[in-house]
Amino acid sequence: MKEHLASQTYWLTRLGLRYEEKRSPKEWTPPAHLLAQYNRAESYEKVWSEPMRVLAQRYGVSDVYLARVGRSLRIPVPGLGYWAKKSAGKSTRKRPPLPPLPSGREQQIKN
């Protein structure tokens, strides 16, 4: 569909629309207000220490909201069934490292 839209730029401009390529997720950085409000390293530790549902109750928000903030801050979260497997004593996937933000954006916010 992208190819089709790209070839129809004339018609898109006549309709007042613009075709723009999306940036890759690696180039995307979290908004500054989220970086200023939350500590990524601390949030990462909390998300991997107890279930999202428990954290959400503690902060008075929904677990969906907490997961969305985690995605915005590029924090990896445990997958479905992680806590059930862990409580049953089964092997779970290894905890991934906290990925760095592109272009040193986190350093700019701290200074």
PDB file of N, CA and C in Angstrom:
ATOM      1  N   MET A   1       0.819  -1.185   0.000  1.00  0.00           N
ATOM      2  CA  MET A   1       0.000   0.000   0.000  1.00  0.00           C
ATOM      3  C   MET A   1       0.867   1.253   0.000  1.00  0.00           C
ATOM      4  N   LYS A   2       2.046   1.184   0.663  1.00  0.00           N
ATOM      5  CA  LYS A   2       2.924   2.342   0.681  1.00  0.00           C
ATOM      6  C   LYS A   2       3.333   2.739  -0.725  1.00  0.00           C
ATOM      7  N   GLU A   3       3.647   1.717  -1.539  1.00  0.00           N
ATOM      8  CA  GLU A   3       4.051   2.005  -2.906  1.00  0.00           C
ATOM      9  C   GLU A   3       2.910   2.674  -3.662  1.00  0.00           C
ATOM     10  N   HIS A   4       1.705   2.200  -3.432  1.00  0.00           N
ATOM     11  CA  HIS A   4       0.549   2.781  -4.100  1.00  0.00           C
ATOM     12  C   HIS A   4       0.367   4.240  -3.687  1.00  0.00           C
ATOM     13  N   LEU A   5       0.457   4.518  -2.406  1.00  0.00           N
ATOM     14  CA  LEU A   5       0.299   5.891  -1.948  1.00  0.00           C
ATOM     15  C   LEU A   5       1.432   6.778  -2.431  1.00  0.00           C
ATOM     16  N   ALA A   6       2.636   6.243  -2.457  1.00  0.00           N
ATOM     17  CA  ALA A   6       3.763   7.044  -2.913  1.00  0.00           C
ATOM     18  C   ALA A   6       3.620   7.412  -4.373  1.00  0.00           C
ATOM     19  N   SER A   7       3.055   6.508  -5.172  1.00  0.00           N
ATOM     20  CA  SER A   7       2.888   6.815  -6.591  1.00  0.00           C
ATOM     21  C   SER A   7       1.723   7.771  -6.832  1.00  0.00           C
ATOM     22  N   GLN A   8       0.901   7.953  -5.863  1.00  0.00           N
ATOM     23  CA  GLN A   8      -0.273   8.820  -6.020  1.00  0.00           C
ATOM     24  C   GLN A   8      -0.115  10.145  -5.277  1.00  0.00           C
ATOM     25  N   THR A   9       1.107  10.644  -5.160  1.00  0.00           N
ATOM     26  CA  THR A   9       1.334  11.873  -4.408  1.00  0.00           C
ATOM     27  C   THR A   9       0.578  13.056  -4.995  1.00  0.00           C
ATOM     28  N   TYR A  10       0.415  13.062  -6.307  1.00  0.00           N
ATOM     29  CA  TYR A  10      -0.324  14.157  -6.938  1.00  0.00           C
ATOM     30  C   TYR A  10      -1.738  14.230  -6.381  1.00  0.00           C
ATOM     31  N   TRP A  11      -2.406  13.082  -6.328  1.00  0.00           N
ATOM     32  CA  TRP A  11      -3.785  13.069  -5.846  1.00  0.00           C
ATOM     33  C   TRP A  11      -3.855  13.348  -4.351  1.00  0.00           C
ATOM     34  N   LEU A  12      -2.886  12.891  -3.628  1.00  0.00           N
ATOM     35  CA  LEU A  12      -2.865  13.175  -2.192  1.00  0.00           C
ATOM     36  C   LEU A  12      -2.703  14.670  -1.935  1.00  0.00           C
ATOM     37  N   THR A  13      -1.838  15.319  -2.694  1.00  0.00           N
ATOM     38  CA  THR A  13      -1.663  16.764  -2.503  1.00  0.00           C
ATOM     39  C   THR A  13      -2.904  17.530  -2.925  1.00  0.00           C
ATOM     40  N   ARG A  14      -3.610  17.044  -3.920  1.00  0.00           N
ATOM     41  CA  ARG A  14      -4.858  17.710  -4.324  1.00  0.00           C
ATOM     42  C   ARG A  14      -5.900  17.615  -3.226  1.00  0.00           C
ATOM     43  N   LEU A  15      -5.870  16.532  -2.470  1.00  0.00           N
ATOM     44  CA  LEU A  15      -6.812  16.364  -1.367  1.00  0.00           C
ATOM     45  C   LEU A  15      -6.334  17.077  -0.101  1.00  0.00           C
ATOM     46  N   GLY A  16      -5.156  17.664  -0.168  1.00  0.00           N
ATOM     47  CA  GLY A  16      -4.625  18.358   0.995  1.00  0.00           C
ATOM     48  C   GLY A  16      -3.920  17.423   1.957  1.00  0.00           C
ATOM     49  N   LEU A  17      -3.551  16.237   1.504  1.00  0.00           N
ATOM     50  CA  LEU A  17      -2.879  15.259   2.343  1.00  0.00           C
ATOM     51  C   LEU A  17      -1.413  15.166   1.944  1.00  0.00           C
ATOM     52  N   ARG A  18      -0.606  14.704   2.868  1.00  0.00           N
ATOM     53  CA  ARG A  18       0.808  14.533   2.587  1.00  0.00           C
ATOM     54  C   ARG A  18       1.217  13.108   2.945  1.00  0.00           C
ATOM     55  N   TYR A  19       1.990  12.496   2.082  1.00  0.00           N
ATOM     56  CA  TYR A  19       2.489  11.160   2.361  1.00  0.00           C
ATOM     57  C   TYR A  19       3.870  11.293   2.965  1.00  0.00           C
ATOM     58  N   GLU A  20       4.047  10.755   4.166  1.00  0.00           N
ATOM     59  CA  GLU A  20       5.335  10.812   4.835  1.00  0.00           C
ATOM     60  C   GLU A  20       5.725   9.416   5.275  1.00  0.00           C
ATOM     61  N   GLU A  21       6.975   9.095   5.087  1.00  0.00           N
ATOM     62  CA  GLU A  21       7.489   7.820   5.562  1.00  0.00           C
ATOM     63  C   GLU A  21       7.583   7.873   7.082  1.00  0.00           C
ATOM     64  N   LYS A  22       7.235   6.784   7.720  1.00  0.00           N
ATOM     65  CA  LYS A  22       7.363   6.720   9.171  1.00  0.00           C
ATOM     66  C   LYS A  22       8.812   6.457   9.539  1.00  0.00           C
ATOM     67  N   ARG A  23       9.220   7.018  10.676  1.00  0.00           N
ATOM     68  CA  ARG A  23      10.569   6.763  11.169  1.00  0.00           C
ATOM     69  C   ARG A  23      10.624   5.384  11.789  1.00  0.00           C
ATOM     70  N   SER A  24      11.778   4.800  11.792  1.00  0.00           N
ATOM     71  CA  SER A  24      11.928   3.483  12.400  1.00  0.00           C
ATOM     72  C   SER A  24      11.855   3.625  13.924  1.00  0.00           C
ATOM     73  N   PRO A  25      11.439   2.559  14.623  1.00  0.00           N
ATOM     74  CA  PRO A  25      11.336   2.631  16.086  1.00  0.00           C
ATOM     75  C   PRO A  25      12.666   2.920  16.766  1.00  0.00           C
ATOM     76  N   LYS A  26      13.789   2.584  16.118  1.00  0.00           N
ATOM     77  CA  LYS A  26      15.086   2.836  16.732  1.00  0.00           C
ATOM     78  C   LYS A  26      15.378   4.328  16.814  1.00  0.00           C
ATOM     79  N   GLU A  27      14.823   5.105  15.907  1.00  0.00           N
ATOM     80  CA  GLU A  27      15.052   6.548  15.908  1.00  0.00           C
ATOM     81  C   GLU A  27      14.142   7.270  16.892  1.00  0.00           C
ATOM     82  N   TRP A  28      13.059   6.620  17.309  1.00  0.00           N
ATOM     83  CA  TRP A  28      12.070   7.274  18.161  1.00  0.00           C
ATOM     84  C   TRP A  28      12.614   7.408  19.572  1.00  0.00           C
ATOM     85  N   THR A  29      12.427   8.574  20.154  1.00  0.00           N
ATOM     86  CA  THR A  29      12.814   8.782  21.548  1.00  0.00           C
ATOM     87  C   THR A  29      11.584   9.175  22.352  1.00  0.00           C
ATOM     88  N   PRO A  30      11.550   8.813  23.614  1.00  0.00           N
ATOM     89  CA  PRO A  30      10.392   9.155  24.447  1.00  0.00           C
ATOM     90  C   PRO A  30      10.253  10.666  24.609  1.00  0.00           C
ATOM     91  N   PRO A  31       9.034  11.132  24.845  1.00  0.00           N
ATOM     92  CA  PRO A  31       8.830  12.566  25.082  1.00  0.00           C
ATOM     93  C   PRO A  31       9.583  13.040  26.321  1.00  0.00           C
ATOM     94  N   ALA A  32      10.002  14.282  26.300  1.00  0.00           N
ATOM     95  CA  ALA A  32      10.804  14.846  27.392  1.00  0.00           C
ATOM     96  C   ALA A  32      10.043  14.843  28.720  1.00  0.00           C
ATOM     97  N   HIS A  33       8.717  15.083  28.675  1.00  0.00           N
ATOM     98  CA  HIS A  33       7.963  15.138  29.936  1.00  0.00           C
ATOM     99  C   HIS A  33       7.925  13.767  30.620  1.00  0.00           C
ATOM    100  N   LEU A  34       7.919  12.678  29.844  1.00  0.00           N
ATOM    101  CA  LEU A  34       7.945  11.352  30.459  1.00  0.00           C
ATOM    102  C   LEU A  34       9.313  11.058  31.058  1.00  0.00           C
ATOM    103  N   LEU A  35      10.363  11.447  30.353  1.00  0.00           N
ATOM    104  CA  LEU A  35      11.707  11.224  30.877  1.00  0.00           C
ATOM    105  C   LEU A  35      11.960  12.033  32.138  1.00  0.00           C
ATOM    106  N   ALA A  36      11.367  13.216  32.217  1.00  0.00           N
ATOM    107  CA  ALA A  36      11.540  14.047  33.400  1.00  0.00           C
ATOM    108  C   ALA A  36      10.719  13.514  34.576  1.00  0.00           C
ATOM    109  N   GLN A  37       9.585  12.888  34.279  1.00  0.00           N
ATOM    110  CA  GLN A  37       8.679  12.432  35.327  1.00  0.00           C
ATOM    111  C   GLN A  37       9.073  11.068  35.895  1.00  0.00           C
ATOM    112  N   TYR A  38       9.630  10.183  35.061  1.00  0.00           N
ATOM    113  CA  TYR A  38       9.935   8.821  35.493  1.00  0.00           C
ATOM    114  C   TYR A  38      11.421   8.529  35.359  1.00  0.00           C
ATOM    115  N   ASN A  39      11.935   7.748  36.281  1.00  0.00           N
ATOM    116  CA  ASN A  39      13.306   7.273  36.213  1.00  0.00           C
ATOM    117  C   ASN A  39      13.268   5.913  35.517  1.00  0.00           C
ATOM    118  N   ARG A  40      13.887   5.807  34.347  1.00  0.00           N
ATOM    119  CA  ARG A  40      13.812   4.575  33.554  1.00  0.00           C
ATOM    120  C   ARG A  40      14.402   3.382  34.287  1.00  0.00           C
ATOM    121  N   ALA A  41      15.574   3.552  34.885  1.00  0.00           N
ATOM    122  CA  ALA A  41      16.244   2.433  35.551  1.00  0.00           C
ATOM    123  C   ALA A  41      15.425   1.930  36.740  1.00  0.00           C
ATOM    124  N   GLU A  42      14.879   2.853  37.511  1.00  0.00           N
ATOM    125  CA  GLU A  42      14.060   2.481  38.668  1.00  0.00           C
ATOM    126  C   GLU A  42      12.770   1.784  38.223  1.00  0.00           C
ATOM    127  N   SER A  43      12.138   2.317  37.182  1.00  0.00           N
ATOM    128  CA  SER A  43      10.908   1.714  36.657  1.00  0.00           C
ATOM    129  C   SER A  43      11.183   0.316  36.116  1.00  0.00           C
ATOM    130  N   TYR A  44      12.313   0.152  35.453  1.00  0.00           N
ATOM    131  CA  TYR A  44      12.702  -1.148  34.906  1.00  0.00           C
ATOM    132  C   TYR A  44      12.830  -2.181  36.020  1.00  0.00           C
ATOM    133  N   GLU A  45      13.483  -1.794  37.112  1.00  0.00           N
ATOM    134  CA  GLU A  45      13.645  -2.711  38.246  1.00  0.00           C
ATOM    135  C   GLU A  45      12.297  -3.081  38.855  1.00  0.00           C
ATOM    136  N   LYS A  46      11.406  -2.116  38.988  1.00  0.00           N
ATOM    137  CA  LYS A  46      10.097  -2.376  39.589  1.00  0.00           C
ATOM    138  C   LYS A  46       9.254  -3.297  38.719  1.00  0.00           C
ATOM    139  N   VAL A  47       9.293  -3.083  37.403  1.00  0.00           N
ATOM    140  CA  VAL A  47       8.486  -3.887  36.486  1.00  0.00           C
ATOM    141  C   VAL A  47       8.917  -5.351  36.514  1.00  0.00           C
ATOM    142  N   TRP A  48      10.201  -5.584  36.691  1.00  0.00           N
ATOM    143  CA  TRP A  48      10.700  -6.954  36.718  1.00  0.00           C
ATOM    144  C   TRP A  48      10.721  -7.552  38.124  1.00  0.00           C
ATOM    145  N   SER A  49      10.341  -6.793  39.151  1.00  0.00           N
ATOM    146  CA  SER A  49      10.343  -7.330  40.511  1.00  0.00           C
ATOM    147  C   SER A  49       8.971  -7.835  40.946  1.00  0.00           C
ATOM    148  N   GLU A  50       7.899  -7.277  40.388  1.00  0.00           N
ATOM    149  CA  GLU A  50       6.554  -7.741  40.728  1.00  0.00           C
ATOM    150  C   GLU A  50       5.598  -7.506  39.560  1.00  0.00           C
ATOM    151  N   PRO A  51       4.442  -8.188  39.565  1.00  0.00           N
ATOM    152  CA  PRO A  51       3.505  -8.080  38.441  1.00  0.00           C
ATOM    153  C   PRO A  51       3.003  -6.648  38.215  1.00  0.00           C
ATOM    154  N   MET A  52       2.709  -6.371  36.967  1.00  0.00           N
ATOM    155  CA  MET A  52       2.244  -5.047  36.562  1.00  0.00           C
ATOM    156  C   MET A  52       0.944  -4.680  37.284  1.00  0.00           C
ATOM    157  N   ARG A  53       0.080  -5.673  37.509  1.00  0.00           N
ATOM    158  CA  ARG A  53      -1.198  -5.428  38.180  1.00  0.00           C
ATOM    159  C   ARG A  53      -0.978  -4.913  39.601  1.00  0.00           C
ATOM    160  N   VAL A  54       0.003  -5.468  40.302  1.00  0.00           N
ATOM    161  CA  VAL A  54       0.312  -5.049  41.671  1.00  0.00           C
ATOM    162  C   VAL A  54       0.897  -3.639  41.682  1.00  0.00           C
ATOM    163  N   LEU A  55       1.815  -3.377  40.753  1.00  0.00           N
ATOM    164  CA  LEU A  55       2.393  -2.026  40.646  1.00  0.00           C
ATOM    165  C   LEU A  55       1.326  -0.984  40.345  1.00  0.00           C
ATOM    166  N   ALA A  56       0.427  -1.331  39.441  1.00  0.00           N
ATOM    167  CA  ALA A  56      -0.625  -0.390  39.058  1.00  0.00           C
ATOM    168  C   ALA A  56      -1.522  -0.062  40.250  1.00  0.00           C
ATOM    169  N   GLN A  57      -1.857  -1.051  41.059  1.00  0.00           N
ATOM    170  CA  GLN A  57      -2.674  -0.796  42.248  1.00  0.00           C
ATOM    171  C   GLN A  57      -1.943   0.109  43.225  1.00  0.00           C
ATOM    172  N   ARG A  58      -0.640  -0.099  43.344  1.00  0.00           N
ATOM    173  CA  ARG A  58       0.154   0.714  44.263  1.00  0.00           C
ATOM    174  C   ARG A  58       0.161   2.184  43.836  1.00  0.00           C
ATOM    175  N   TYR A  59       0.233   2.427  42.529  1.00  0.00           N
ATOM    176  CA  TYR A  59       0.288   3.804  42.036  1.00  0.00           C
ATOM    177  C   TYR A  59      -1.089   4.395  41.729  1.00  0.00           C
ATOM    178  N   GLY A  60      -2.128   3.590  41.840  1.00  0.00           N
ATOM    179  CA  GLY A  60      -3.483   4.092  41.617  1.00  0.00           C
ATOM    180  C   GLY A  60      -3.811   4.331  40.152  1.00  0.00           C
ATOM    181  N   VAL A  61      -3.207   3.560  39.262  1.00  0.00           N
ATOM    182  CA  VAL A  61      -3.487   3.656  37.828  1.00  0.00           C
ATOM    183  C   VAL A  61      -3.802   2.262  37.313  1.00  0.00           C
ATOM    184  N   SER A  62      -4.238   2.170  36.062  1.00  0.00           N
ATOM    185  CA  SER A  62      -4.515   0.852  35.496  1.00  0.00           C
ATOM    186  C   SER A  62      -3.223   0.217  34.999  1.00  0.00           C
ATOM    187  N   ASP A  63      -3.238  -1.107  34.907  1.00  0.00           N
ATOM    188  CA  ASP A  63      -2.059  -1.801  34.403  1.00  0.00           C
ATOM    189  C   ASP A  63      -1.830  -1.508  32.923  1.00  0.00           C
ATOM    190  N   VAL A  64      -2.877  -1.212  32.199  1.00  0.00           N
ATOM    191  CA  VAL A  64      -2.751  -0.849  30.789  1.00  0.00           C
ATOM    192  C   VAL A  64      -2.006   0.484  30.657  1.00  0.00           C
ATOM    193  N   TYR A  65      -2.346   1.438  31.506  1.00  0.00           N
ATOM    194  CA  TYR A  65      -1.661   2.729  31.484  1.00  0.00           C
ATOM    195  C   TYR A  65      -0.181   2.559  31.820  1.00  0.00           C
ATOM    196  N   LEU A  66       0.096   1.751  32.823  1.00  0.00           N
ATOM    197  CA  LEU A  66       1.477   1.516  33.226  1.00  0.00           C
ATOM    198  C   LEU A  66       2.275   0.846  32.110  1.00  0.00           C
ATOM    199  N   ALA A  67       1.654  -0.096  31.406  1.00  0.00           N
ATOM    200  CA  ALA A  67       2.320  -0.756  30.282  1.00  0.00           C
ATOM    201  C   ALA A  67       2.567   0.243  29.144  1.00  0.00           C
ATOM    202  N   ARG A  68       1.633   1.146  28.922  1.00  0.00           N
ATOM    203  CA  ARG A  68       1.797   2.150  27.860  1.00  0.00           C
ATOM    204  C   ARG A  68       2.945   3.109  28.179  1.00  0.00           C
ATOM    205  N   VAL A  69       3.057   3.512  29.420  1.00  0.00           N
ATOM    206  CA  VAL A  69       4.178   4.364  29.829  1.00  0.00           C
ATOM    207  C   VAL A  69       5.490   3.604  29.670  1.00  0.00           C
ATOM    208  N   GLY A  70       5.486   2.327  30.015  1.00  0.00           N
ATOM    209  CA  GLY A  70       6.676   1.505  29.845  1.00  0.00           C
ATOM    210  C   GLY A  70       7.102   1.396  28.392  1.00  0.00           C
ATOM    211  N   ARG A  71       6.121   1.225  27.506  1.00  0.00           N
ATOM    212  CA  ARG A  71       6.444   1.188  26.074  1.00  0.00           C
ATOM    213  C   ARG A  71       6.971   2.526  25.601  1.00  0.00           C
ATOM    214  N   SER A  72       6.379   3.611  26.103  1.00  0.00           N
ATOM    215  CA  SER A  72       6.834   4.950  25.710  1.00  0.00           C
ATOM    216  C   SER A  72       8.264   5.213  26.152  1.00  0.00           C
ATOM    217  N   LEU A  73       8.627   4.685  27.312  1.00  0.00           N
ATOM    218  CA  LEU A  73       9.981   4.876  27.834  1.00  0.00           C
ATOM    219  C   LEU A  73      10.951   3.804  27.338  1.00  0.00           C
ATOM    220  N   ARG A  74      10.465   2.913  26.498  1.00  0.00           N
ATOM    221  CA  ARG A  74      11.267   1.820  25.932  1.00  0.00           C
ATOM    222  C   ARG A  74      11.820   0.903  27.017  1.00  0.00           C
ATOM    223  N   ILE A  75      10.938   0.526  27.942  1.00  0.00           N
ATOM    224  CA  ILE A  75      11.295  -0.387  29.020  1.00  0.00           C
ATOM    225  C   ILE A  75      10.733  -1.760  28.669  1.00  0.00           C
ATOM    226  N   PRO A  76      11.581  -2.794  28.542  1.00  0.00           N
ATOM    227  CA  PRO A  76      11.054  -4.137  28.266  1.00  0.00           C
ATOM    228  C   PRO A  76      10.291  -4.658  29.476  1.00  0.00           C
ATOM    229  N   VAL A  77       9.159  -5.287  29.220  1.00  0.00           N
ATOM    230  CA  VAL A  77       8.319  -5.818  30.299  1.00  0.00           C
ATOM    231  C   VAL A  77       8.207  -7.332  30.159  1.00  0.00           C
ATOM    232  N   PRO A  78       7.933  -8.033  31.253  1.00  0.00           N
ATOM    233  CA  PRO A  78       7.761  -9.487  31.176  1.00  0.00           C
ATOM    234  C   PRO A  78       6.569  -9.842  30.293  1.00  0.00           C
ATOM    235  N   GLY A  79       6.670 -10.956  29.605  1.00  0.00           N
ATOM    236  CA  GLY A  79       5.596 -11.397  28.717  1.00  0.00           C
ATOM    237  C   GLY A  79       4.455 -12.042  29.485  1.00  0.00           C
ATOM    238  N   LEU A  80       3.442 -12.438  28.728  1.00  0.00           N
ATOM    239  CA  LEU A  80       2.294 -13.099  29.333  1.00  0.00           C
ATOM    240  C   LEU A  80       2.721 -14.416  29.962  1.00  0.00           C
ATOM    241  N   GLY A  81       2.242 -14.696  31.136  1.00  0.00           N
ATOM    242  CA  GLY A  81       2.541 -15.937  31.832  1.00  0.00           C
ATOM    243  C   GLY A  81       3.860 -15.949  32.575  1.00  0.00           C
ATOM    244  N   TYR A  82       4.614 -14.868  32.512  1.00  0.00           N
ATOM    245  CA  TYR A  82       5.918 -14.825  33.179  1.00  0.00           C
ATOM    246  C   TYR A  82       5.772 -15.051  34.685  1.00  0.00           C
ATOM    247  N   TRP A  83       4.849 -14.321  35.306  1.00  0.00           N
ATOM    248  CA  TRP A  83       4.717 -14.414  36.761  1.00  0.00           C
ATOM    249  C   TRP A  83       4.085 -15.728  37.188  1.00  0.00           C
ATOM    250  N   ALA A  84       3.197 -16.297  36.362  1.00  0.00           N
ATOM    251  CA  ALA A  84       2.608 -17.601  36.677  1.00  0.00           C
ATOM    252  C   ALA A  84       3.687 -18.688  36.639  1.00  0.00           C
ATOM    253  N   LYS A  85       4.548 -18.622  35.617  1.00  0.00           N
ATOM    254  CA  LYS A  85       5.643 -19.597  35.523  1.00  0.00           C
ATOM    255  C   LYS A  85       6.612 -19.444  36.692  1.00  0.00           C
ATOM    256  N   LYS A  86       6.902 -18.200  37.025  1.00  0.00           N
ATOM    257  CA  LYS A  86       7.845 -17.941  38.110  1.00  0.00           C
ATOM    258  C   LYS A  86       7.301 -18.449  39.441  1.00  0.00           C
ATOM    259  N   SER A  87       5.999 -18.236  39.696  1.00  0.00           N
ATOM    260  CA  SER A  87       5.410 -18.697  40.956  1.00  0.00           C
ATOM    261  C   SER A  87       5.295 -20.221  40.996  1.00  0.00           C
ATOM    262  N   ALA A  88       5.201 -20.850  39.809  1.00  0.00           N
ATOM    263  CA  ALA A  88       5.129 -22.310  39.754  1.00  0.00           C
ATOM    264  C   ALA A  88       6.508 -22.958  39.800  1.00  0.00           C
ATOM    265  N   GLY A  89       7.558 -22.131  39.774  1.00  0.00           N
ATOM    266  CA  GLY A  89       8.906 -22.659  39.845  1.00  0.00           C
ATOM    267  C   GLY A  89       9.461 -23.124  38.509  1.00  0.00           C
ATOM    268  N   LYS A  90       8.799 -22.789  37.419  1.00  0.00           N
ATOM    269  CA  LYS A  90       9.284 -23.183  36.093  1.00  0.00           C
ATOM    270  C   LYS A  90      10.296 -22.162  35.585  1.00  0.00           C
ATOM    271  N   SER A  91      11.039 -22.576  34.596  1.00  0.00           N
ATOM    272  CA  SER A  91      12.048 -21.661  34.038  1.00  0.00           C
ATOM    273  C   SER A  91      11.357 -20.555  33.228  1.00  0.00           C
ATOM    274  N   THR A  92      11.876 -19.369  33.362  1.00  0.00           N
ATOM    275  CA  THR A  92      11.341 -18.215  32.641  1.00  0.00           C
ATOM    276  C   THR A  92      12.423 -17.658  31.735  1.00  0.00           C
ATOM    277  N   ARG A  93      11.996 -16.811  30.813  1.00  0.00           N
ATOM    278  CA  ARG A  93      12.990 -16.245  29.902  1.00  0.00           C
ATOM    279  C   ARG A  93      13.891 -15.282  30.664  1.00  0.00           C
ATOM    280  N   LYS A  94      15.084 -15.135  30.153  1.00  0.00           N
ATOM    281  CA  LYS A  94      16.060 -14.276  30.802  1.00  0.00           C
ATOM    282  C   LYS A  94      15.640 -12.805  30.673  1.00  0.00           C
ATOM    283  N   ARG A  95      15.873 -12.069  31.710  1.00  0.00           N
ATOM    284  CA  ARG A  95      15.517 -10.652  31.743  1.00  0.00           C
ATOM    285  C   ARG A  95      16.408  -9.866  30.777  1.00  0.00           C
ATOM    286  N   PRO A  96      15.813  -9.186  29.794  1.00  0.00           N
ATOM    287  CA  PRO A  96      16.632  -8.425  28.846  1.00  0.00           C
ATOM    288  C   PRO A  96      17.191  -7.166  29.493  1.00  0.00           C
ATOM    289  N   PRO A  97      18.337  -6.681  29.008  1.00  0.00           N
ATOM    290  CA  PRO A  97      18.895  -5.449  29.579  1.00  0.00           C
ATOM    291  C   PRO A  97      18.076  -4.237  29.164  1.00  0.00           C
ATOM    292  N   LEU A  98      18.178  -3.192  29.932  1.00  0.00           N
ATOM    293  CA  LEU A  98      17.498  -1.936  29.613  1.00  0.00           C
ATOM    294  C   LEU A  98      18.188  -1.307  28.406  1.00  0.00           C
ATOM    295  N   PRO A  99      17.472  -1.146  27.281  1.00  0.00           N
ATOM    296  CA  PRO A  99      18.126  -0.600  26.089  1.00  0.00           C
ATOM    297  C   PRO A  99      18.426   0.890  26.256  1.00  0.00           C
ATOM    298  N   PRO A 100      19.542   1.333  25.716  1.00  0.00           N
ATOM    299  CA  PRO A 100      19.848   2.774  25.799  1.00  0.00           C
ATOM    300  C   PRO A 100      18.952   3.564  24.855  1.00  0.00           C
ATOM    301  N   LEU A 101      18.724   4.801  25.199  1.00  0.00           N
ATOM    302  CA  LEU A 101      17.941   5.668  24.322  1.00  0.00           C
ATOM    303  C   LEU A 101      18.826   6.182  23.202  1.00  0.00           C
ATOM    304  N   PRO A 102      18.285   6.334  22.010  1.00  0.00           N
ATOM    305  CA  PRO A 102      19.090   6.848  20.909  1.00  0.00           C
ATOM    306  C   PRO A 102      19.463   8.311  21.122  1.00  0.00           C
ATOM    307  N   SER A 103      20.599   8.670  20.633  1.00  0.00           N
ATOM    308  CA  SER A 103      21.132  10.059  20.617  1.00  0.00           C
ATOM    309  C   SER A 103      21.346  10.665  22.003  1.00  0.00           C
ATOM    310  N   GLY A 104      21.493   9.844  23.040  1.00  0.00           N
ATOM    311  CA  GLY A 104      21.800  10.362  24.364  1.00  0.00           C
ATOM    312  C   GLY A 104      20.734  11.279  24.931  1.00  0.00           C
ATOM    313  N   ARG A 105      19.493  11.046  24.603  1.00  0.00           N
ATOM    314  CA  ARG A 105      18.392  11.908  25.033  1.00  0.00           C
ATOM    315  C   ARG A 105      18.238  11.901  26.547  1.00  0.00           C
ATOM    316  N   GLU A 106      18.514  10.752  27.161  1.00  0.00           N
ATOM    317  CA  GLU A 106      18.358  10.642  28.610  1.00  0.00           C
ATOM    318  C   GLU A 106      19.369  11.546  29.319  1.00  0.00           C
ATOM    319  N   GLN A 107      20.567  11.659  28.778  1.00  0.00           N
ATOM    320  CA  GLN A 107      21.585  12.511  29.381  1.00  0.00           C
ATOM    321  C   GLN A 107      21.188  13.984  29.299  1.00  0.00           C
ATOM    322  N   GLN A 108      20.516  14.385  28.207  1.00  0.00           N
ATOM    323  CA  GLN A 108      20.103  15.772  28.055  1.00  0.00           C
ATOM    324  C   GLN A 108      19.066  16.151  29.108  1.00  0.00           C
ATOM    325  N   ILE A 109      18.180  15.226  29.446  1.00  0.00           N
ATOM    326  CA  ILE A 109      17.125  15.508  30.411  1.00  0.00           C
ATOM    327  C   ILE A 109      17.710  15.643  31.815  1.00  0.00           C
ATOM    328  N   LYS A 110      18.703  14.821  32.158  1.00  0.00           N
ATOM    329  CA  LYS A 110      19.272  14.850  33.506  1.00  0.00           C
ATOM    330  C   LYS A 110      20.059  16.133  33.771  1.00  0.00           C
ATOM    331  N   ASN A 111      20.658  16.707  32.745  1.00  0.00           N
ATOM    332  CA  ASN A 111      21.473  17.917  32.930  1.00  0.00           C
ATOM    333  C   ASN A 111      20.651  19.164  32.972  1.00  0.00           C
TER     334      ASN A 111
END
